[in-house]
All heavy atoms as atom14 arrays in JSON, in Angstrom:
{
  "sequence": "YKKLTETFPQQLGDVTLRQFIRAINRAEPGLIRT",
  "atom14_mask": [
    [1, 1, 1, 1, 1, 1, 1, 1, 1, 1, 1, 1, 0, 0],
    [1, 1, 1, 1, 1, 1, 1, 1, 1, 0, 0, 0, 0, 0],
    [1, 1, 1, 1, 1, 1, 1, 1, 1, 0, 0, 0, 0, 0],
    [1, 1, 1, 1, 1, 1, 1, 1, 0, 0, 0, 0, 0, 0],
    [1, 1, 1, 1, 1, 1, 1, 0, 0, 0, 0, 0, 0, 0],
    [1, 1, 1, 1, 1, 1, 1, 1, 1, 0, 0, 0, 0, 0],
    [1, 1, 1, 1, 1, 1, 1, 0, 0, 0, 0, 0, 0, 0],
    [1, 1, 1, 1, 1, 1, 1, 1, 1, 1, 1, 0, 0, 0],
    [1, 1, 1, 1, 1, 1, 1, 0, 0, 0, 0, 0, 0, 0],
    [1, 1, 1, 1, 1, 1, 1, 1, 1, 0, 0, 0, 0, 0],
    [1, 1, 1, 1, 1, 1, 1, 1, 1, 0, 0, 0, 0, 0],
    [1, 1, 1, 1, 1, 1, 1, 1, 0, 0, 0, 0, 0, 0],
    [1, 1, 1, 1, 0, 0, 0, 0, 0, 0, 0, 0, 0, 0],
    [1, 1, 1, 1, 1, 1, 1, 1, 0, 0, 0, 0, 0, 0],
    [1, 1, 1, 1, 1, 1, 1, 0, 0, 0, 0, 0, 0, 0],
    [1, 1, 1, 1, 1, 1, 1, 0, 0, 0, 0, 0, 0, 0],
    [1, 1, 1, 1, 1, 1, 1, 1, 0, 0, 0, 0, 0, 0],
    [1, 1, 1, 1, 1, 1, 1, 1, 1, 1, 1, 0, 0, 0],
    [1, 1, 1, 1, 1, 1, 1, 1, 1, 0, 0, 0, 0, 0],
    [1, 1, 1, 1, 1, 1, 1, 1, 1, 1, 1, 0, 0, 0],
    [1, 1, 1, 1, 1, 1, 1, 1, 0, 0, 0, 0, 0, 0],
    [1, 1, 1, 1, 1, 1, 1, 1, 1, 1, 1, 0, 0, 0],
    [1, 1, 1, 1, 1, 0, 0, 0, 0, 0, 0, 0, 0, 0],
    [1, 1, 1, 1, 1, 1, 1, 1, 0, 0, 0, 0, 0, 0],
    [1, 1, 1, 1, 1, 1, 1, 1, 0, 0, 0, 0, 0, 0],
    [1, 1, 1, 1, 1, 1, 1, 1, 1, 1, 1, 0, 0, 0],
    [1, 1, 1, 1, 1, 0, 0, 0, 0, 0, 0, 0, 0, 0],
    [1, 1, 1, 1, 1, 1, 1, 1, 1, 0, 0, 0, 0, 0],
    [1, 1, 1, 1, 1, 1, 1, 0, 0, 0, 0, 0, 0, 0],
    [1, 1, 1, 1, 0, 0, 0, 0, 0, 0, 0, 0, 0, 0],
    [1, 1, 1, 1, 1, 1, 1, 1, 0, 0, 0, 0, 0, 0],
    [1, 1, 1, 1, 1, 1, 1, 1, 0, 0, 0, 0, 0, 0],
    [1, 1, 1, 1, 1, 1, 1, 1, 1, 1, 1, 0, 0, 0],
    [1, 1, 1, 1, 1, 1, 1, 0, 0, 0, 0, 0, 0, 0]
  ],
  "atom14_positions": [
    [[-103.85, -130.22, 64.72], [-104.76, -131.15, 65.41], [-104.67, -132.56, 64.84], [-104.79, -133.55, 65.58], [-106.19, -130.63, 65.34], [-107.15, -131.38, 66.21], [-106.91, -131.52, 67.58], [-108.3, -131.98, 65.68], [-107.79, -132.22, 68.39], [-109.18, -132.68, 66.48], [-108.92, -132.8, 67.84], [-109.8, -133.5, 68.65], [0.0, 0.0, 0.0], [0.0, 0.0, 0.0]],
    [[-104.44, -132.68, 63.54], [-104.31, -134.02, 62.95], [-103.17, -134.79, 63.6], [-103.28, -135.99, 63.87], [-104.09, -133.9, 61.44], [-104.01, -135.25, 60.73], [-103.77, -135.08, 59.23], [-103.66, -136.45, 58.55], [-103.35, -136.32, 57.11], [0.0, 0.0, 0.0], [0.0, 0.0, 0.0], [0.0, 0.0, 0.0], [0.0, 0.0, 0.0], [0.0, 0.0, 0.0]],
    [[-102.05, -134.13, 63.84], [-100.9, -134.77, 64.48], [-101.29, -135.24, 65.89], [-100.9, -136.35, 66.3], [-99.73, -133.78, 64.55], [-98.53, -134.25, 65.36], [-97.75, -135.33, 64.67], [-96.48, -135.67, 65.43], [-95.7, -136.75, 64.8], [0.0, 0.0, 0.0], [0.0, 0.0, 0.0], [0.0, 0.0, 0.0], [0.0, 0.0, 0.0], [0.0, 0.0, 0.0]],
    [[-102.05, -134.43, 66.6], [-102.45, -134.8, 67.96], [-103.4, -136.0, 67.93], [-103.24, -136.93, 68.74], [-103.12, -133.61, 68.64], [-103.51, -133.81, 70.11], [-102.27, -134.04, 70.97], [-104.29, -132.61, 70.63], [0.0, 0.0, 0.0], [0.0, 0.0, 0.0], [0.0, 0.0, 0.0], [0.0, 0.0, 0.0], [0.0, 0.0, 0.0], [0.0, 0.0, 0.0]],
    [[-104.35, -136.0, 67.02], [-105.3, -137.13, 66.95], [-104.62, -138.41, 66.46], [-105.0, -139.51, 66.87], [-106.49, -136.8, 66.04], [-106.01, -136.41, 64.74], [-107.33, -135.67, 66.63], [0.0, 0.0, 0.0], [0.0, 0.0, 0.0], [0.0, 0.0, 0.0], [0.0, 0.0, 0.0], [0.0, 0.0, 0.0], [0.0, 0.0, 0.0], [0.0, 0.0, 0.0]],
    [[-103.61, -138.27, 65.62], [-102.84, -139.46, 65.2], [-102.03, -140.01, 66.36], [-101.78, -141.23, 66.42], [-101.92, -139.08, 64.04], [-102.65, -138.88, 62.72], [-101.74, -138.36, 61.61], [-100.58, -137.97, 61.91], [-102.18, -138.34, 60.45], [0.0, 0.0, 0.0], [0.0, 0.0, 0.0], [0.0, 0.0, 0.0], [0.0, 0.0, 0.0], [0.0, 0.0, 0.0]],
    [[-101.6, -139.15, 67.26], [-100.85, -139.59, 68.45], [-101.78, -140.27, 69.45], [-101.39, -141.23, 70.11], [-100.14, -138.39, 69.11], [-99.35, -137.71, 68.14], [-99.24, -138.85, 70.25], [0.0, 0.0, 0.0], [0.0, 0.0, 0.0], [0.0, 0.0, 0.0], [0.0, 0.0, 0.0], [0.0, 0.0, 0.0], [0.0, 0.0, 0.0], [0.0, 0.0, 0.0]],
    [[-103.04, -139.76, 69.54], [-104.0, -140.3, 70.5], [-105.33, -140.62, 69.8], [-106.35, -139.99, 70.05], [-104.24, -139.29, 71.63], [-103.02, -138.99, 72.45], [-102.35, -137.79, 72.29], [-102.55, -139.91, 73.38], [-101.22, -137.51, 73.04], [-101.42, -139.65, 74.13], [-100.74, -138.44, 73.96], [0.0, 0.0, 0.0], [0.0, 0.0, 0.0], [0.0, 0.0, 0.0]],
    [[-105.32, -141.62, 68.91], [-106.54, -141.91, 68.14], [-107.7, -142.4, 69.0], [-108.86, -142.06, 68.74], [-106.08, -142.99, 67.15], [-104.86, -143.58, 67.78], [-104.21, -142.49, 68.52], [0.0, 0.0, 0.0], [0.0, 0.0, 0.0], [0.0, 0.0, 0.0], [0.0, 0.0, 0.0], [0.0, 0.0, 0.0], [0.0, 0.0, 0.0], [0.0, 0.0, 0.0]],
    [[-107.42, -143.2, 70.03], [-108.5, -143.72, 70.88], [-109.12, -142.63, 71.73], [-110.33, -142.63, 71.98], [-107.96, -144.84, 71.78], [-107.59, -146.1, 71.01], [-107.12, -147.21, 71.95], [-106.44, -146.95, 72.94], [-107.5, -148.44, 71.64], [0.0, 0.0, 0.0], [0.0, 0.0, 0.0], [0.0, 0.0, 0.0], [0.0, 0.0, 0.0], [0.0, 0.0, 0.0]],
    [[-108.3, -141.71, 72.19], [-108.79, -140.66, 73.09], [-109.48, -139.52, 72.35], [-110.4, -138.9, 72.87], [-107.62, -140.09, 73.92], [-107.0, -141.09, 74.87], [-105.9, -141.93, 74.21], [-105.75, -141.93, 72.98], [-105.14, -142.64, 75.02], [0.0, 0.0, 0.0], [0.0, 0.0, 0.0], [0.0, 0.0, 0.0], [0.0, 0.0, 0.0], [0.0, 0.0, 0.0]],
    [[-109.02, -139.21, 71.12], [-109.51, -138.03, 70.41], [-110.16, -138.34, 69.06], [-110.57, -137.42, 68.36], [-108.36, -137.04, 70.2], [-107.76, -136.42, 71.47], [-106.52, -135.6, 71.12], [-108.78, -135.56, 72.2], [0.0, 0.0, 0.0], [0.0, 0.0, 0.0], [0.0, 0.0, 0.0], [0.0, 0.0, 0.0], [0.0, 0.0, 0.0], [0.0, 0.0, 0.0]],
    [[-110.26, -139.61, 68.73], [-110.82, -139.98, 67.43], [-112.25, -139.53, 67.23], [-112.68, -139.31, 66.1], [0.0, 0.0, 0.0], [0.0, 0.0, 0.0], [0.0, 0.0, 0.0], [0.0, 0.0, 0.0], [0.0, 0.0, 0.0], [0.0, 0.0, 0.0], [0.0, 0.0, 0.0], [0.0, 0.0, 0.0], [0.0, 0.0, 0.0], [0.0, 0.0, 0.0]],
    [[-112.99, -139.38, 68.33], [-114.4, -138.96, 68.24], [-114.6, -137.49, 68.59], [-115.72, -137.03, 68.78], [-115.26, -139.82, 69.17], [-114.85, -139.68, 70.63], [-113.73, -139.17, 70.89], [-115.64, -140.08, 71.51], [0.0, 0.0, 0.0], [0.0, 0.0, 0.0], [0.0, 0.0, 0.0], [0.0, 0.0, 0.0], [0.0, 0.0, 0.0], [0.0, 0.0, 0.0]],
    [[-113.49, -136.74, 68.64], [-113.55, -135.32, 69.06], [-113.2, -134.43, 67.87], [-112.13, -134.55, 67.28], [-112.56, -135.04, 70.22], [-112.62, -133.57, 70.62], [-112.87, -135.95, 71.41], [0.0, 0.0, 0.0], [0.0, 0.0, 0.0], [0.0, 0.0, 0.0], [0.0, 0.0, 0.0], [0.0, 0.0, 0.0], [0.0, 0.0, 0.0], [0.0, 0.0, 0.0]],
    [[-114.12, -133.54, 67.51], [-113.86, -132.64, 66.39], [-112.91, -131.52, 66.81], [-112.74, -131.25, 68.01], [-115.16, -132.0, 65.88], [-115.68, -131.13, 66.9], [-116.19, -133.07, 65.53], [0.0, 0.0, 0.0], [0.0, 0.0, 0.0], [0.0, 0.0, 0.0], [0.0, 0.0, 0.0], [0.0, 0.0, 0.0], [0.0, 0.0, 0.0], [0.0, 0.0, 0.0]],
    [[-112.33, -130.87, 65.83], [-111.46, -129.73, 66.11], [-112.22, -128.66, 66.88], [-111.71, -128.07, 67.83], [-110.9, -129.15, 64.8], [-110.1, -127.83, 64.94], [-108.88, -128.01, 65.83], [-109.69, -127.31, 63.55], [0.0, 0.0, 0.0], [0.0, 0.0, 0.0], [0.0, 0.0, 0.0], [0.0, 0.0, 0.0], [0.0, 0.0, 0.0], [0.0, 0.0, 0.0]],
    [[-113.45, -128.4, 66.49], [-114.26, -127.37, 67.15], [-114.49, -127.71, 68.62], [-114.38, -126.84, 69.5], [-115.6, -127.21, 66.42], [-116.47, -126.1, 66.97], [-115.8, -124.75, 66.82], [-116.57, -123.69, 67.46], [-116.05, -122.6, 67.99], [-114.75, -122.42, 68.0], [-116.83, -121.68, 68.53], [0.0, 0.0, 0.0], [0.0, 0.0, 0.0], [0.0, 0.0, 0.0]],
    [[-114.78, -128.97, 68.91], [-114.97, -129.4, 70.3], [-113.68, -129.22, 71.1], [-113.7, -128.78, 72.25], [-115.4, -130.88, 70.34], [-116.81, -131.14, 69.88], [-117.1, -132.63, 69.82], [-116.35, -133.4, 69.2], [-118.18, -133.04, 70.46], [0.0, 0.0, 0.0], [0.0, 0.0, 0.0], [0.0, 0.0, 0.0], [0.0, 0.0, 0.0], [0.0, 0.0, 0.0]],
    [[-112.56, -129.56, 70.46], [-111.26, -129.45, 71.12], [-110.96, -127.99, 71.44], [-110.53, -127.66, 72.56], [-110.18, -130.04, 70.22], [-108.79, -129.93, 70.78], [-108.35, -130.79, 71.78], [-107.9, -128.97, 70.3], [-107.07, -130.69, 72.3], [-106.62, -128.86, 70.8], [-106.2, -129.73, 71.82], [0.0, 0.0, 0.0], [0.0, 0.0, 0.0], [0.0, 0.0, 0.0]],
    [[-111.18, -127.1, 70.49], [-110.89, -125.67, 70.68], [-111.73, -125.1, 71.81], [-111.24, -124.36, 72.67], [-111.14, -124.88, 69.37], [-110.16, -125.31, 68.29], [-111.03, -123.37, 69.63], [-108.7, -125.13, 68.64], [0.0, 0.0, 0.0], [0.0, 0.0, 0.0], [0.0, 0.0, 0.0], [0.0, 0.0, 0.0], [0.0, 0.0, 0.0], [0.0, 0.0, 0.0]],
    [[-113.01, -125.45, 71.84], [-113.87, -124.96, 72.93], [-113.38, -125.48, 74.28], [-113.36, -124.74, 75.28], [-115.33, -125.39, 72.68], [-116.0, -124.59, 71.56], [-117.41, -125.1, 71.29], [-118.28, -125.0, 72.47], [-118.86, -123.9, 72.89], [-118.67, -122.76, 72.25], [-119.65, -123.9, 73.96], [0.0, 0.0, 0.0], [0.0, 0.0, 0.0], [0.0, 0.0, 0.0]],
    [[-112.95, -126.73, 74.31], [-112.5, -127.34, 75.58], [-111.24, -126.68, 76.11], [-111.12, -126.42, 77.31], [-112.29, -128.83, 75.39], [0.0, 0.0, 0.0], [0.0, 0.0, 0.0], [0.0, 0.0, 0.0], [0.0, 0.0, 0.0], [0.0, 0.0, 0.0], [0.0, 0.0, 0.0], [0.0, 0.0, 0.0], [0.0, 0.0, 0.0], [0.0, 0.0, 0.0]],
    [[-110.27, -126.4, 75.23], [-109.01, -125.83, 75.72], [-109.14, -124.34, 76.05], [-108.23, -123.76, 76.64], [-107.85, -126.04, 74.71], [-108.13, -125.34, 73.37], [-107.54, -127.52, 74.54], [-106.96, -125.37, 72.4], [0.0, 0.0, 0.0], [0.0, 0.0, 0.0], [0.0, 0.0, 0.0], [0.0, 0.0, 0.0], [0.0, 0.0, 0.0], [0.0, 0.0, 0.0]],
    [[-110.29, -123.76, 75.69], [-110.53, -122.35, 76.01], [-111.6, -122.16, 77.09], [-111.99, -121.03, 77.39], [-110.94, -121.58, 74.76], [-109.76, -121.27, 73.86], [-108.91, -120.44, 74.19], [-109.68, -121.94, 72.73], [0.0, 0.0, 0.0], [0.0, 0.0, 0.0], [0.0, 0.0, 0.0], [0.0, 0.0, 0.0], [0.0, 0.0, 0.0], [0.0, 0.0, 0.0]],
    [[-112.05, -123.27, 77.68], [-113.1, -123.16, 78.7], [-112.62, -122.33, 79.9], [-111.44, -122.34, 80.24], [-113.53, -124.56, 79.15], [-112.47, -125.29, 79.96], [-112.77, -126.78, 80.04], [-111.8, -127.49, 80.87], [-110.59, -127.85, 80.47], [-110.17, -127.54, 79.24], [-109.77, -128.52, 81.27], [0.0, 0.0, 0.0], [0.0, 0.0, 0.0], [0.0, 0.0, 0.0]],
    [[-113.56, -121.64, 80.51], [-113.27, -120.9, 81.74], [-113.84, -121.7, 82.9], [-115.05, -121.92, 82.97], [-113.89, -119.52, 81.67], [0.0, 0.0, 0.0], [0.0, 0.0, 0.0], [0.0, 0.0, 0.0], [0.0, 0.0, 0.0], [0.0, 0.0, 0.0], [0.0, 0.0, 0.0], [0.0, 0.0, 0.0], [0.0, 0.0, 0.0], [0.0, 0.0, 0.0]],
    [[-112.96, -122.14, 83.77], [-113.36, -123.04, 84.84], [-112.49, -122.74, 86.06], [-111.38, -123.25, 86.16], [-113.15, -124.48, 84.36], [-113.77, -125.55, 85.2], [-113.59, -126.92, 84.53], [-112.47, -127.45, 84.55], [-114.58, -127.42, 83.98], [0.0, 0.0, 0.0], [0.0, 0.0, 0.0], [0.0, 0.0, 0.0], [0.0, 0.0, 0.0], [0.0, 0.0, 0.0]],
    [[-112.96, -121.89, 86.96], [-112.13, -121.51, 88.11], [-111.58, -122.73, 88.84], [-112.32, -123.67, 89.15], [-113.1, -120.74, 89.01], [-114.11, -120.18, 88.07], [-114.28, -121.24, 87.0], [0.0, 0.0, 0.0], [0.0, 0.0, 0.0], [0.0, 0.0, 0.0], [0.0, 0.0, 0.0], [0.0, 0.0, 0.0], [0.0, 0.0, 0.0], [0.0, 0.0, 0.0]],
    [[-110.27, -122.74, 89.02], [-109.61, -123.83, 89.72], [-108.65, -123.29, 90.75], [-108.46, -122.08, 90.88], [0.0, 0.0, 0.0], [0.0, 0.0, 0.0], [0.0, 0.0, 0.0], [0.0, 0.0, 0.0], [0.0, 0.0, 0.0], [0.0, 0.0, 0.0], [0.0, 0.0, 0.0], [0.0, 0.0, 0.0], [0.0, 0.0, 0.0], [0.0, 0.0, 0.0]],
    [[-108.01, -124.18, 91.47], [-107.14, -123.77, 92.57], [-105.69, -123.6, 92.16], [-104.93, -122.94, 92.86], [-107.23, -124.82, 93.69], [-108.58, -124.9, 94.4], [-108.67, -126.18, 95.23], [-108.82, -123.68, 95.27], [0.0, 0.0, 0.0], [0.0, 0.0, 0.0], [0.0, 0.0, 0.0], [0.0, 0.0, 0.0], [0.0, 0.0, 0.0], [0.0, 0.0, 0.0]],
    [[-105.29, -124.2, 91.03], [-103.88, -124.25, 90.66], [-103.56, -123.21, 89.59], [-104.11, -123.26, 88.48], [-103.49, -125.66, 90.17], [-103.94, -126.71, 91.2], [-101.99, -125.73, 89.94], [-103.38, -126.51, 92.6], [0.0, 0.0, 0.0], [0.0, 0.0, 0.0], [0.0, 0.0, 0.0], [0.0, 0.0, 0.0], [0.0, 0.0, 0.0], [0.0, 0.0, 0.0]],
    [[-102.66, -122.3, 89.9], [-102.31, -121.2, 88.99], [-101.82, -121.72, 87.64], [-102.23, -121.23, 86.58], [-101.24, -120.31, 89.62], [-100.72, -119.22, 88.68], [-99.56, -118.47, 89.31], [-98.39, -119.31, 89.5], [-97.48, -119.58, 88.56], [-97.61, -119.07, 87.35], [-96.45, -120.35, 88.82], [0.0, 0.0, 0.0], [0.0, 0.0, 0.0], [0.0, 0.0, 0.0]],
    [[-100.89, -122.68, 87.65], [-100.28, -123.13, 86.4], [-101.28, -123.86, 85.5], [-101.01, -124.05, 84.33], [-99.08, -124.04, 86.67], [-99.49, -125.12, 87.52], [-97.95, -123.27, 87.35], [0.0, 0.0, 0.0], [0.0, 0.0, 0.0], [0.0, 0.0, 0.0], [0.0, 0.0, 0.0], [0.0, 0.0, 0.0], [0.0, 0.0, 0.0], [0.0, 0.0, 0.0]]
  ]
}
């Protein structure tokens, strides 16, 4: 995660690892399979 935040400091500088993990695991029915 440190590498990712260093790549995108403005976008993720205020986002904790825990917040990021919850976000990438969210269940949100969508239309696109991929």
